[in-house]
N, C-alpha and C. Protein backbone atom coordinates (compact mmCIF):
# COMPACT_ATOMS: atom_id res chain seq x y z
N MET A 1 -15.40 -32.38 5.61
CA MET A 1 -14.57 -31.11 7.11
C MET A 1 -15.60 -31.10 7.54
N THR A 2 -16.88 -31.88 8.16
CA THR A 2 -17.80 -32.34 8.88
C THR A 2 -17.56 -33.59 9.57
N ARG A 3 -18.33 -33.17 11.12
CA ARG A 3 -18.50 -34.58 11.46
C ARG A 3 -20.38 -34.19 11.53
N MET A 4 -20.85 -35.58 12.09
CA MET A 4 -21.97 -35.17 12.05
C MET A 4 -22.90 -34.27 11.35
N GLY A 5 -22.68 -33.80 10.46
CA GLY A 5 -23.20 -32.54 9.66
C GLY A 5 -22.56 -31.15 10.09
N LYS A 6 -21.46 -31.44 10.45
CA LYS A 6 -21.04 -30.24 11.00
C LYS A 6 -19.86 -30.09 10.88
N ILE A 7 -19.14 -28.23 10.64
CA ILE A 7 -18.04 -27.94 10.31
C ILE A 7 -17.47 -28.55 11.38
N ILE A 8 -16.01 -29.00 11.69
CA ILE A 8 -15.82 -28.73 12.99
C ILE A 8 -14.75 -27.67 13.03
N HIS A 9 -15.32 -27.13 14.51
CA HIS A 9 -14.14 -25.84 15.41
C HIS A 9 -14.33 -24.70 14.30
N GLU A 10 -15.88 -24.86 13.91
CA GLU A 10 -16.39 -23.40 12.70
C GLU A 10 -16.83 -22.61 13.45
N GLN A 11 -16.97 -22.23 14.64
CA GLN A 11 -16.58 -20.73 15.39
C GLN A 11 -15.47 -20.43 15.59
N LEU A 12 -14.60 -21.14 15.90
CA LEU A 12 -12.97 -20.68 15.90
C LEU A 12 -12.37 -20.49 14.82
N SER A 13 -12.34 -21.58 13.81
CA SER A 13 -11.79 -21.20 12.76
C SER A 13 -12.41 -19.82 11.72
N GLY A 14 -13.42 -19.34 12.34
CA GLY A 14 -13.97 -18.76 11.09
C GLY A 14 -13.57 -17.19 12.29
N ALA A 15 -13.50 -17.18 13.08
CA ALA A 15 -12.56 -16.12 14.13
C ALA A 15 -11.01 -16.10 14.07
N ILE A 16 -10.54 -17.43 12.91
CA ILE A 16 -9.55 -17.63 12.48
C ILE A 16 -8.82 -16.80 11.75
N ILE A 17 -9.22 -17.38 10.63
CA ILE A 17 -9.42 -16.61 9.52
C ILE A 17 -10.41 -15.30 9.61
N GLY A 18 -11.07 -14.59 9.70
CA GLY A 18 -11.44 -13.28 10.43
C GLY A 18 -10.06 -12.12 10.73
N ILE A 19 -9.66 -12.77 11.80
CA ILE A 19 -8.25 -12.51 12.54
C ILE A 19 -6.80 -11.98 11.48
N ALA A 20 -7.17 -13.26 10.87
CA ALA A 20 -5.84 -13.25 9.74
C ALA A 20 -6.28 -12.19 8.29
N MET A 21 -7.41 -12.00 7.82
CA MET A 21 -7.38 -11.13 7.20
C MET A 21 -7.55 -9.67 7.53
N GLU A 22 -7.71 -9.48 8.99
CA GLU A 22 -7.46 -8.01 10.14
C GLU A 22 -6.01 -7.80 9.13
N VAL A 23 -4.91 -9.26 10.19
CA VAL A 23 -3.91 -8.53 9.99
C VAL A 23 -3.50 -8.74 7.93
N LEU A 24 -3.77 -9.25 7.35
CA LEU A 24 -3.18 -9.04 5.72
C LEU A 24 -3.70 -7.44 5.66
N ASN A 25 -5.03 -7.05 5.92
CA ASN A 25 -5.17 -5.73 5.65
C ASN A 25 -4.44 -4.82 6.25
N GLU A 26 -3.80 -5.30 7.31
CA GLU A 26 -3.51 -4.25 8.24
C GLU A 26 -1.87 -4.06 7.48
N LEU A 27 -0.76 -5.14 7.18
CA LEU A 27 0.53 -5.33 6.51
C LEU A 27 0.17 -5.44 5.74
N ASN A 28 -0.40 -5.89 4.82
CA ASN A 28 -0.39 -5.92 3.41
C ASN A 28 0.22 -7.43 2.76
N PRO A 29 0.11 -7.51 1.39
CA PRO A 29 0.87 -8.49 0.96
C PRO A 29 2.68 -8.37 1.09
N GLY A 30 3.71 -9.59 0.33
CA GLY A 30 4.57 -9.00 0.42
C GLY A 30 5.66 -9.11 1.71
N LEU A 31 5.76 -9.74 2.89
CA LEU A 31 6.19 -10.03 4.31
C LEU A 31 6.63 -11.24 4.29
N ASP A 32 7.94 -10.89 5.22
CA ASP A 32 8.01 -12.53 5.28
C ASP A 32 7.55 -13.40 6.30
N GLU A 33 6.65 -14.30 5.99
CA GLU A 33 5.92 -14.74 6.62
C GLU A 33 5.85 -15.24 8.23
N LYS A 34 6.94 -14.87 9.16
CA LYS A 34 7.14 -15.26 10.02
C LYS A 34 6.69 -13.44 10.75
N LEU A 35 6.25 -13.04 10.09
CA LEU A 35 6.00 -11.23 10.33
C LEU A 35 4.82 -11.48 10.61
N TYR A 36 4.10 -12.03 10.25
CA TYR A 36 3.03 -12.55 9.61
C TYR A 36 2.29 -12.85 11.11
N GLU A 37 2.54 -14.45 10.80
CA GLU A 37 3.16 -15.19 12.14
C GLU A 37 2.79 -14.37 13.12
N ARG A 38 3.66 -13.51 13.84
CA ARG A 38 4.15 -12.04 14.94
C ARG A 38 2.40 -11.89 15.07
N ALA A 39 2.55 -11.24 14.15
CA ALA A 39 0.91 -10.07 13.69
C ALA A 39 -0.43 -11.11 13.91
N MET A 40 -0.54 -12.32 13.77
CA MET A 40 -1.26 -12.88 14.19
C MET A 40 -1.50 -13.62 15.68
N ILE A 41 -0.37 -13.57 16.70
CA ILE A 41 0.16 -14.16 17.40
C ILE A 41 -0.48 -12.49 18.67
N ILE A 42 0.11 -11.23 18.65
CA ILE A 42 -0.84 -10.68 18.89
C ILE A 42 -2.69 -9.96 18.36
N GLU A 43 -2.60 -10.62 17.90
CA GLU A 43 -3.75 -10.13 17.30
C GLU A 43 -4.90 -11.41 17.67
N LEU A 44 -4.95 -12.61 17.40
CA LEU A 44 -5.62 -13.38 18.72
C LEU A 44 -5.21 -13.73 19.37
N ARG A 45 -4.21 -12.93 20.89
CA ARG A 45 -4.43 -13.42 21.97
C ARG A 45 -5.48 -11.61 22.26
N ARG A 46 -4.90 -10.77 21.77
CA ARG A 46 -6.14 -9.89 21.82
C ARG A 46 -7.05 -10.17 21.55
N HIS A 47 -7.70 -10.45 21.63
CA HIS A 47 -9.27 -11.18 21.03
C HIS A 47 -9.50 -12.29 21.74
N GLY A 48 -8.75 -12.99 22.77
CA GLY A 48 -9.03 -13.90 23.96
C GLY A 48 -8.67 -14.59 23.56
N HIS A 49 -7.52 -15.64 22.80
CA HIS A 49 -7.75 -16.73 22.40
C HIS A 49 -6.57 -17.01 23.20
N VAL A 50 -6.25 -18.76 23.28
CA VAL A 50 -4.84 -18.80 24.09
C VAL A 50 -4.00 -19.34 23.13
N VAL A 51 -2.89 -18.95 22.92
CA VAL A 51 -1.95 -19.39 21.10
C VAL A 51 -0.25 -19.53 21.95
N ALA A 52 -0.68 -21.33 21.55
CA ALA A 52 0.72 -21.80 21.83
C ALA A 52 1.84 -21.37 20.79
N VAL A 53 2.93 -21.04 20.94
CA VAL A 53 3.92 -20.42 19.53
C VAL A 53 4.34 -21.84 19.53
N GLN A 54 5.13 -22.35 18.58
CA GLN A 54 5.32 -24.16 18.04
C GLN A 54 5.47 -24.79 19.72
N PRO A 55 4.32 -25.00 20.00
CA PRO A 55 4.52 -26.02 21.00
C PRO A 55 5.22 -27.24 20.60
N SER A 56 5.68 -28.34 21.21
CA SER A 56 6.49 -29.81 21.68
C SER A 56 5.57 -30.69 21.56
N PHE A 57 5.63 -31.30 20.59
CA PHE A 57 4.36 -32.99 20.52
C PHE A 57 5.51 -33.91 20.48
N PRO A 58 6.35 -34.75 21.31
CA PRO A 58 6.62 -35.72 20.41
C PRO A 58 6.45 -36.38 19.73
N VAL A 59 7.03 -37.65 18.95
CA VAL A 59 7.08 -38.18 17.67
C VAL A 59 8.05 -39.79 18.08
N PHE A 60 6.88 -40.78 18.16
CA PHE A 60 7.91 -42.03 18.45
C PHE A 60 7.83 -42.95 17.30
N TYR A 61 8.99 -43.81 16.86
CA TYR A 61 8.57 -44.89 16.30
C TYR A 61 8.72 -45.99 16.54
N ARG A 62 8.45 -47.31 16.37
CA ARG A 62 8.17 -47.73 17.69
C ARG A 62 8.64 -48.16 18.67
N GLY A 63 7.91 -47.09 19.36
CA GLY A 63 7.60 -46.55 20.73
C GLY A 63 9.47 -46.01 21.52
N GLU A 64 9.80 -45.79 19.99
CA GLU A 64 11.11 -44.75 20.70
C GLU A 64 11.31 -43.19 20.38
N LEU A 65 10.82 -42.18 20.89
CA LEU A 65 11.28 -41.18 20.80
C LEU A 65 12.07 -40.84 19.48
N ILE A 66 11.84 -40.08 18.52
CA ILE A 66 12.51 -39.51 17.40
C ILE A 66 12.62 -38.73 17.55
N GLY A 67 12.03 -37.79 18.14
CA GLY A 67 12.45 -35.99 18.04
C GLY A 67 11.13 -35.62 18.34
N ASN A 68 10.74 -34.13 17.88
CA ASN A 68 9.50 -33.36 18.24
C ASN A 68 9.04 -32.80 17.05
N LEU A 69 8.19 -32.85 17.63
CA LEU A 69 6.79 -31.45 15.94
C LEU A 69 6.77 -30.74 16.69
N LEU A 70 6.75 -29.91 16.02
CA LEU A 70 6.50 -28.16 16.46
C LEU A 70 6.10 -27.26 15.16
N PRO A 71 4.67 -27.75 15.57
CA PRO A 71 3.37 -26.47 14.74
C PRO A 71 4.03 -25.01 15.05
N ASP A 72 3.68 -24.68 13.94
CA ASP A 72 3.79 -22.85 13.96
C ASP A 72 2.96 -22.19 15.32
N LEU A 73 1.75 -22.49 15.42
CA LEU A 73 0.93 -22.37 16.18
C LEU A 73 -0.12 -23.47 16.80
N THR A 74 -0.16 -23.39 17.44
CA THR A 74 -2.17 -23.91 18.24
C THR A 74 -2.96 -22.85 18.60
N VAL A 75 -4.32 -22.43 18.72
CA VAL A 75 -4.89 -22.22 19.28
C VAL A 75 -6.20 -23.20 19.99
N ASP A 76 -6.18 -22.34 21.38
CA ASP A 76 -7.00 -22.77 21.80
C ASP A 76 -6.87 -24.08 22.75
N SER A 77 -6.35 -24.55 22.12
CA SER A 77 -5.35 -26.23 22.09
C SER A 77 -6.40 -26.70 21.26
N SER A 78 -6.88 -26.15 20.01
CA SER A 78 -7.99 -27.36 18.90
C SER A 78 -7.33 -27.22 17.63
N VAL A 79 -6.75 -26.14 17.54
CA VAL A 79 -6.67 -26.07 15.90
C VAL A 79 -5.11 -25.82 15.33
N ILE A 80 -4.79 -26.05 14.65
CA ILE A 80 -3.29 -25.47 14.40
C ILE A 80 -3.52 -24.67 13.57
N VAL A 81 -2.50 -23.76 12.90
CA VAL A 81 -2.53 -22.71 12.56
C VAL A 81 -1.25 -22.34 11.68
N ASP A 82 -1.02 -22.43 10.48
CA ASP A 82 0.25 -22.52 9.59
C ASP A 82 -0.06 -21.12 8.40
N PRO A 83 0.68 -20.39 9.30
CA PRO A 83 0.89 -18.96 7.80
C PRO A 83 1.76 -19.21 7.12
N LYS A 84 1.60 -19.17 5.95
CA LYS A 84 2.14 -19.03 5.19
C LYS A 84 2.51 -17.96 3.77
N VAL A 85 4.07 -17.89 2.89
CA VAL A 85 3.74 -17.17 2.14
C VAL A 85 4.01 -18.05 1.09
N VAL A 86 3.59 -18.40 0.28
CA VAL A 86 3.53 -19.14 -1.34
C VAL A 86 2.76 -18.77 -2.22
N VAL A 87 3.19 -18.45 -3.49
CA VAL A 87 2.44 -18.72 -4.36
C VAL A 87 1.22 -19.35 -4.61
N ALA A 88 0.34 -20.74 -3.93
CA ALA A 88 -0.26 -21.72 -3.81
C ALA A 88 -0.10 -22.47 -3.02
N PHE A 89 -1.17 -23.30 -2.37
CA PHE A 89 -1.33 -24.04 -1.32
C PHE A 89 -0.58 -25.61 -2.43
N THR A 90 0.06 -26.45 -1.87
CA THR A 90 0.65 -27.36 -2.26
C THR A 90 -0.14 -29.38 -1.92
N GLU A 91 -0.13 -30.06 -2.57
CA GLU A 91 -0.25 -31.35 -1.65
C GLU A 91 0.60 -31.57 -0.24
N THR A 92 1.60 -30.88 -0.72
CA THR A 92 2.58 -31.33 0.43
C THR A 92 2.44 -30.60 1.78
N HIS A 93 1.71 -28.82 1.30
CA HIS A 93 1.55 -28.20 2.60
C HIS A 93 0.65 -29.33 2.69
N THR A 94 -0.64 -29.47 2.59
CA THR A 94 -1.99 -30.22 2.91
C THR A 94 -1.46 -31.59 3.69
N ALA A 95 -0.33 -31.95 3.07
CA ALA A 95 0.33 -33.56 3.62
C ALA A 95 0.96 -33.19 5.09
N GLN A 96 1.77 -32.59 5.12
CA GLN A 96 2.45 -31.77 6.44
C GLN A 96 1.20 -31.51 7.76
N MET A 97 0.39 -31.14 7.26
CA MET A 97 -1.24 -30.48 8.12
C MET A 97 -1.76 -32.04 8.39
N ILE A 98 -1.77 -32.70 7.77
CA ILE A 98 -2.43 -34.31 8.18
C ILE A 98 -1.41 -35.25 9.06
N GLY A 99 -0.26 -34.66 8.98
CA GLY A 99 0.99 -35.22 9.91
C GLY A 99 0.34 -35.14 10.84
N TYR A 100 0.51 -32.78 11.49
CA TYR A 100 0.54 -32.43 12.29
C TYR A 100 -0.71 -33.01 13.32
N LEU A 101 -1.54 -33.13 12.49
CA LEU A 101 -2.60 -33.34 13.20
C LEU A 101 -3.10 -35.24 13.52
N ASN A 102 -2.32 -36.02 12.67
CA ASN A 102 -1.87 -37.46 13.21
C ASN A 102 -1.27 -37.49 14.87
N ILE A 103 -0.26 -36.26 14.63
CA ILE A 103 1.24 -36.50 15.61
C ILE A 103 -0.07 -35.64 17.10
N THR A 104 -0.63 -34.67 16.76
CA THR A 104 -1.20 -34.42 18.40
C THR A 104 -2.35 -34.28 18.34
N GLY A 105 -3.21 -35.36 17.52
CA GLY A 105 -4.60 -35.39 17.84
C GLY A 105 -5.61 -34.70 17.83
N LEU A 106 -4.95 -33.56 17.07
CA LEU A 106 -5.94 -32.81 17.20
C LEU A 106 -7.56 -32.93 15.61
N GLU A 107 -8.25 -32.58 15.76
CA GLU A 107 -9.01 -32.72 14.31
C GLU A 107 -9.03 -30.99 13.39
N LEU A 108 -8.31 -30.10 13.54
CA LEU A 108 -8.11 -28.81 12.07
C LEU A 108 -7.11 -28.65 12.38
N ALA A 109 -6.75 -27.86 11.25
CA ALA A 109 -5.51 -27.16 10.66
C ALA A 109 -5.81 -26.21 9.44
N LEU A 110 -5.74 -24.74 9.77
CA LEU A 110 -5.90 -24.42 8.95
C LEU A 110 -5.02 -23.11 8.51
N LEU A 111 -4.68 -23.82 6.79
CA LEU A 111 -3.18 -23.03 6.07
C LEU A 111 -3.81 -22.12 5.83
N LEU A 112 -3.04 -20.64 6.04
CA LEU A 112 -3.17 -19.22 5.59
C LEU A 112 -2.52 -18.82 4.74
N ASN A 113 -2.38 -18.33 3.64
CA ASN A 113 -1.78 -17.16 2.84
C ASN A 113 -1.79 -16.58 2.97
N PHE A 114 -0.54 -15.78 2.91
CA PHE A 114 -0.69 -14.50 2.42
C PHE A 114 0.16 -13.79 1.85
N LYS A 115 0.42 -14.44 0.55
CA LYS A 115 0.98 -13.78 -0.49
C LYS A 115 0.35 -12.87 -0.96
N ASN A 116 -1.09 -13.03 -1.67
CA ASN A 116 -1.57 -12.04 -1.94
C ASN A 116 -2.64 -10.68 -1.45
N ALA A 117 -2.85 -9.76 -2.32
CA ALA A 117 -3.98 -8.93 -1.49
C ALA A 117 -4.96 -9.60 -0.23
N ARG A 118 -5.59 -10.51 -1.27
CA ARG A 118 -7.30 -11.30 -0.96
C ARG A 118 -6.45 -12.72 0.07
N LEU A 119 -6.91 -12.79 0.83
CA LEU A 119 -6.03 -13.73 2.06
C LEU A 119 -6.95 -15.26 1.00
N ASP A 120 -5.86 -16.26 1.63
CA ASP A 120 -6.45 -17.43 0.33
C ASP A 120 -6.40 -18.42 1.85
N TRP A 121 -7.06 -19.36 2.10
CA TRP A 121 -7.02 -20.27 3.36
C TRP A 121 -7.22 -21.51 2.74
N LYS A 122 -6.94 -22.70 3.61
CA LYS A 122 -7.60 -24.34 3.64
C LYS A 122 -7.98 -24.76 4.76
N ARG A 123 -8.84 -25.16 4.83
CA ARG A 123 -9.05 -26.76 6.24
C ARG A 123 -8.23 -27.51 6.14
N VAL A 124 -7.74 -28.32 7.59
CA VAL A 124 -7.21 -29.93 6.92
C VAL A 124 -7.80 -30.55 7.47
N VAL A 125 -8.43 -31.59 7.66
CA VAL A 125 -9.26 -32.23 8.75
C VAL A 125 -9.12 -33.94 8.72
N ARG A 126 -9.16 -33.91 10.12
CA ARG A 126 -8.02 -35.57 10.09
C ARG A 126 -8.94 -36.66 9.67
N ARG A 127 -8.24 -37.49 8.74
CA ARG A 127 -9.35 -38.27 7.35
C ARG A 127 -10.18 -39.02 8.76
N GLU A 128 -9.95 -39.61 9.62
CA GLU A 128 -11.26 -40.63 10.49
C GLU A 128 -12.11 -39.11 11.08
N ASN A 129 -11.89 -37.87 11.13
CA ASN A 129 -13.40 -37.09 11.33
C ASN A 129 -13.90 -36.95 10.42
N ILE A 130 -13.87 -36.86 8.95
CA ILE A 130 -14.45 -36.34 7.92
C ILE A 130 -15.46 -37.36 7.79
N GLU A 131 -17.11 -37.04 7.92
CA GLU A 131 -17.96 -37.25 7.08
C GLU A 131 -17.91 -38.01 5.69
N GLU A 132 -17.66 -36.96 4.66
CA GLU A 132 -17.33 -36.67 3.26
C GLU A 132 -16.25 -36.60 3.10
N SER A 133 -15.03 -37.42 2.31
CA SER A 133 -13.81 -37.55 2.00
C SER A 133 -13.78 -36.16 1.00
N ASP A 134 -14.20 -36.11 0.11
CA ASP A 134 -14.38 -35.45 -1.06
C ASP A 134 -14.75 -33.84 -0.65
N THR A 135 -15.48 -32.93 0.28
CA THR A 135 -15.89 -31.86 0.89
C THR A 135 -15.01 -31.36 0.34
N PRO A 136 -15.40 -29.85 -1.34
CA PRO A 136 -15.04 -29.04 -0.56
C PRO A 136 -14.80 -28.60 0.18
N ASP A 137 -12.86 -27.41 -0.02
CA ASP A 137 -13.19 -26.47 0.86
C ASP A 137 -14.32 -24.47 1.26
N LEU A 138 -14.41 -24.19 2.21
CA LEU A 138 -15.39 -23.39 2.22
C LEU A 138 -14.33 -22.38 1.71
N LYS A 139 -14.08 -21.41 1.19
CA LYS A 139 -13.62 -19.76 1.00
C LYS A 139 -14.36 -19.11 1.52
N CYS A 140 -13.79 -18.12 1.80
CA CYS A 140 -14.28 -16.57 1.70
C CYS A 140 -14.08 -15.62 0.50
């Protein structure tokens, strides 16, 4: 998760995760993920971040436009944020975020799981930006 020994977007990702913890503490677990997403938008903007909701990124196949990718949120044009309410993150969630990063050109995606009383989160970094591919995720 590092680039030359540094965590990619460390300060911004820490702020996003902290805000997600605030949202979960306020709303508690058990709601629909869209409600957590809307609360995240409010709180991120309240903290001065620029939040794009479902920004559109064109997807091409052999030079032809085949559709648009719509990540849930991007924060400060730097980090994709994908709120979830799931039992656990799966390889599919991670693969989807890697695909999003490849299409958008961004370096970092955060999966946030609001399912339980304790926030679960996962940093996903584009492969070519990882210094050591087996670096473990950092958890709070």
